[in-house]
């Protein structure tokens, strides 16, 4: 990267360095926010994933607060699903970011911020 920086103009190098510096804290916080989830979800909650969507069904007698864990640490919102209800999350996409499991979460706590 040093050689590339030597060939770039000073304003472009400065802009690229500034952008990288601003983005690094955001990237550092994303995995921590995604990791701040609760325990594994009850067996009565199921998920069905495709490349575009991950559908979660609550087959329990009580409402559940659910978030999805992905192989690449992607952030997923916390959603409350009523008994018999469904919620839709992101799928694994073209990059193969598969669901690894469901976790409980606190819907009152903003996650991913």
C-alpha atoms as a PDB file:
ATOM      1  CA  UNK A   1       0.000   0.000   0.000  1.00  0.00           C
ATOM      2  CA  UNK A   2       2.946   2.310   0.581  1.00  0.00           C
ATOM      3  CA  UNK A   3       3.850   2.228  -3.111  1.00  0.00           C
ATOM      4  CA  UNK A   4       0.276   3.065  -4.092  1.00  0.00           C
ATOM      5  CA  UNK A   5       0.214   6.014  -1.689  1.00  0.00           C
ATOM      6  CA  UNK A   6       3.438   7.372  -3.212  1.00  0.00           C
ATOM      7  CA  UNK A   7       1.858   7.335  -6.687  1.00  0.00           C
ATOM      8  CA  UNK A   8      -1.389   9.036  -5.584  1.00  0.00           C
ATOM      9  CA  UNK A   9      -1.737  12.800  -5.318  1.00  0.00           C
ATOM     10  CA  UNK A  10      -1.538  14.306  -1.856  1.00  0.00           C
ATOM     11  CA  UNK A  11      -5.250  15.378  -1.668  1.00  0.00           C
ATOM     12  CA  UNK A  12      -6.389  11.902  -2.753  1.00  0.00           C
ATOM     13  CA  UNK A  13      -4.084  10.234  -0.222  1.00  0.00           C
ATOM     14  CA  UNK A  14      -5.321  12.529   2.536  1.00  0.00           C
ATOM     15  CA  UNK A  15      -8.978  11.865   1.658  1.00  0.00           C
ATOM     16  CA  UNK A  16      -8.424   8.088   1.545  1.00  0.00           C
ATOM     17  CA  UNK A  17      -6.590   8.099   4.878  1.00  0.00           C
ATOM     18  CA  UNK A  18      -9.304  10.204   6.506  1.00  0.00           C
ATOM     19  CA  UNK A  19     -12.086   7.953   5.190  1.00  0.00           C
ATOM     20  CA  UNK A  20     -10.290   4.842   6.438  1.00  0.00           C
ATOM     21  CA  UNK A  21      -9.807   6.447   9.840  1.00  0.00           C
ATOM     22  CA  UNK A  22     -13.487   7.327  10.109  1.00  0.00           C
ATOM     23  CA  UNK A  23     -14.688   3.868   9.062  1.00  0.00           C
ATOM     24  CA  UNK A  24     -12.444   1.853  11.379  1.00  0.00           C
ATOM     25  CA  UNK A  25     -14.383   2.674  14.597  1.00  0.00           C
ATOM     26  CA  UNK A  26     -17.644   1.702  12.882  1.00  0.00           C
ATOM     27  CA  UNK A  27     -16.251  -1.652  11.808  1.00  0.00           C
ATOM     28  CA  UNK A  28     -14.825  -2.268  15.259  1.00  0.00           C
ATOM     29  CA  UNK A  29     -18.214  -1.694  16.930  1.00  0.00           C
ATOM     30  CA  UNK A  30     -20.319  -3.843  14.587  1.00  0.00           C
ATOM     31  CA  UNK A  31     -19.120  -7.278  15.779  1.00  0.00           C
ATOM     32  CA  UNK A  32     -19.427  -6.226  19.427  1.00  0.00           C
ATOM     33  CA  UNK A  33     -23.037  -5.152  18.913  1.00  0.00           C
ATOM     34  CA  UNK A  34     -23.899  -8.367  17.098  1.00  0.00           C
ATOM     35  CA  UNK A  35     -22.205 -10.438  19.816  1.00  0.00           C
ATOM     36  CA  UNK A  36     -24.224  -8.763  22.593  1.00  0.00           C
ATOM     37  CA  UNK A  37     -27.048 -11.308  22.448  1.00  0.00           C
ATOM     38  CA  UNK A  38     -28.546 -13.628  25.021  1.00  0.00           C
ATOM     39  CA  UNK A  39     -28.868 -17.365  25.287  1.00  0.00           C
ATOM     40  CA  UNK A  40     -29.809 -19.879  22.594  1.00  0.00           C
ATOM     41  CA  UNK A  41     -33.477 -19.727  21.664  1.00  0.00           C
ATOM     42  CA  UNK A  42     -36.097 -22.361  22.618  1.00  0.00           C
ATOM     43  CA  UNK A  43     -36.513 -25.351  20.302  1.00  0.00           C
ATOM     44  CA  UNK A  44     -40.072 -24.267  19.453  1.00  0.00           C
ATOM     45  CA  UNK A  45     -38.628 -21.359  17.419  1.00  0.00           C
ATOM     46  CA  UNK A  46     -37.490 -22.380  13.930  1.00  0.00           C
ATOM     47  CA  UNK A  47     -35.806 -20.637  11.024  1.00  0.00           C
ATOM     48  CA  UNK A  48     -35.884 -21.258   7.293  1.00  0.00           C
ATOM     49  CA  UNK A  49     -33.184 -19.557   5.256  1.00  0.00           C
ATOM     50  CA  UNK A  50     -32.694 -18.806   1.608  1.00  0.00           C
ATOM     51  CA  UNK A  51     -30.234 -16.559  -0.193  1.00  0.00           C
ATOM     52  CA  UNK A  52     -32.563 -13.585   0.165  1.00  0.00           C
ATOM     53  CA  UNK A  53     -34.527 -14.067   3.418  1.00  0.00           C
ATOM     54  CA  UNK A  54     -34.392 -15.884   6.732  1.00  0.00           C
ATOM     55  CA  UNK A  55     -37.903 -16.498   8.031  1.00  0.00           C
ATOM     56  CA  UNK A  56     -38.301 -17.193  11.748  1.00  0.00           C
ATOM     57  CA  UNK A  57     -41.427 -18.867  13.139  1.00  0.00           C
ATOM     58  CA  UNK A  58     -42.433 -18.827  16.810  1.00  0.00           C
ATOM     59  CA  UNK A  59     -44.083 -22.151  17.609  1.00  0.00           C
ATOM     60  CA  UNK A  60     -43.982 -21.448  21.366  1.00  0.00           C
ATOM     61  CA  UNK A  61     -46.913 -20.578  23.632  1.00  0.00           C
ATOM     62  CA  UNK A  62     -45.271 -17.267  24.637  1.00  0.00           C
ATOM     63  CA  UNK A  63     -43.844 -14.320  22.719  1.00  0.00           C
ATOM     64  CA  UNK A  64     -40.087 -14.475  22.132  1.00  0.00           C
ATOM     65  CA  UNK A  65     -37.437 -11.833  21.411  1.00  0.00           C
ATOM     66  CA  UNK A  66     -35.167 -13.143  18.671  1.00  0.00           C
ATOM     67  CA  UNK A  67     -32.058 -12.115  16.783  1.00  0.00           C
ATOM     68  CA  UNK A  68     -30.176 -14.067  14.119  1.00  0.00           C
ATOM     69  CA  UNK A  69     -26.469 -14.955  14.187  1.00  0.00           C
ATOM     70  CA  UNK A  70     -24.616 -15.165  10.870  1.00  0.00           C
ATOM     71  CA  UNK A  71     -21.285 -16.730   9.891  1.00  0.00           C
ATOM     72  CA  UNK A  72     -19.760 -13.327   9.026  1.00  0.00           C
ATOM     73  CA  UNK A  73     -20.957 -11.589  12.218  1.00  0.00           C
ATOM     74  CA  UNK A  74     -23.578  -9.545  10.363  1.00  0.00           C
ATOM     75  CA  UNK A  75     -25.814  -7.400  12.587  1.00  0.00           C
ATOM     76  CA  UNK A  76     -29.466  -8.455  12.892  1.00  0.00           C
ATOM     77  CA  UNK A  77     -32.238  -6.533  14.666  1.00  0.00           C
ATOM     78  CA  UNK A  78     -33.980  -7.838  17.777  1.00  0.00           C
ATOM     79  CA  UNK A  79     -37.597  -8.641  16.997  1.00  0.00           C
ATOM     80  CA  UNK A  80     -40.453  -9.738  19.238  1.00  0.00           C
ATOM     81  CA  UNK A  81     -42.459 -12.550  17.652  1.00  0.00           C
ATOM     82  CA  UNK A  82     -45.871 -13.387  19.055  1.00  0.00           C
ATOM     83  CA  UNK A  83     -46.960 -17.047  19.447  1.00  0.00           C
ATOM     84  CA  UNK A  84     -47.581 -18.521  15.997  1.00  0.00           C
ATOM     85  CA  UNK A  85     -46.048 -15.416  14.382  1.00  0.00           C
ATOM     86  CA  UNK A  86     -43.321 -14.949  11.787  1.00  0.00           C
ATOM     87  CA  UNK A  87     -40.486 -12.443  11.317  1.00  0.00           C
ATOM     88  CA  UNK A  88     -38.236 -11.947   8.294  1.00  0.00           C
ATOM     89  CA  UNK A  89     -34.495 -11.263   8.542  1.00  0.00           C
ATOM     90  CA  UNK A  90     -31.787 -10.986   5.891  1.00  0.00           C
ATOM     91  CA  UNK A  91     -30.832 -14.167   4.058  1.00  0.00           C
ATOM     92  CA  UNK A  92     -27.331 -15.454   3.381  1.00  0.00           C
ATOM     93  CA  UNK A  93     -26.932 -13.508   0.139  1.00  0.00           C
ATOM     94  CA  UNK A  94     -24.485 -14.133  -2.649  1.00  0.00           C
ATOM     95  CA  UNK A  95     -21.529 -14.082  -0.252  1.00  0.00           C
ATOM     96  CA  UNK A  96     -22.681 -17.207   1.644  1.00  0.00           C
ATOM     97  CA  UNK A  97     -23.289 -15.472   4.994  1.00  0.00           C
ATOM     98  CA  UNK A  98     -25.296 -18.363   6.468  1.00  0.00           C
ATOM     99  CA  UNK A  99     -27.324 -18.354   9.674  1.00  0.00           C
ATOM    100  CA  UNK A 100     -25.555 -20.167  12.516  1.00  0.00           C
ATOM    101  CA  UNK A 101     -28.408 -19.924  15.008  1.00  0.00           C
ATOM    102  CA  UNK A 102     -31.007 -17.862  16.808  1.00  0.00           C
ATOM    103  CA  UNK A 103     -30.455 -16.066  20.122  1.00  0.00           C
ATOM    104  CA  UNK A 104     -32.635 -14.297  22.649  1.00  0.00           C
ATOM    105  CA  UNK A 105     -32.242 -10.528  22.865  1.00  0.00           C
ATOM    106  CA  UNK A 106     -33.565  -7.453  24.627  1.00  0.00           C
ATOM    107  CA  UNK A 107     -35.775  -5.433  22.252  1.00  0.00           C
ATOM    108  CA  UNK A 108     -35.558  -2.377  24.531  1.00  0.00           C
ATOM    109  CA  UNK A 109     -31.766  -2.185  24.123  1.00  0.00           C
ATOM    110  CA  UNK A 110     -30.712  -0.668  20.796  1.00  0.00           C
ATOM    111  CA  UNK A 111     -28.351  -3.145  19.172  1.00  0.00           C
ATOM    112  CA  UNK A 112     -26.090  -2.282  16.270  1.00  0.00           C
ATOM    113  CA  UNK A 113     -25.634   1.304  17.447  1.00  0.00           C
END
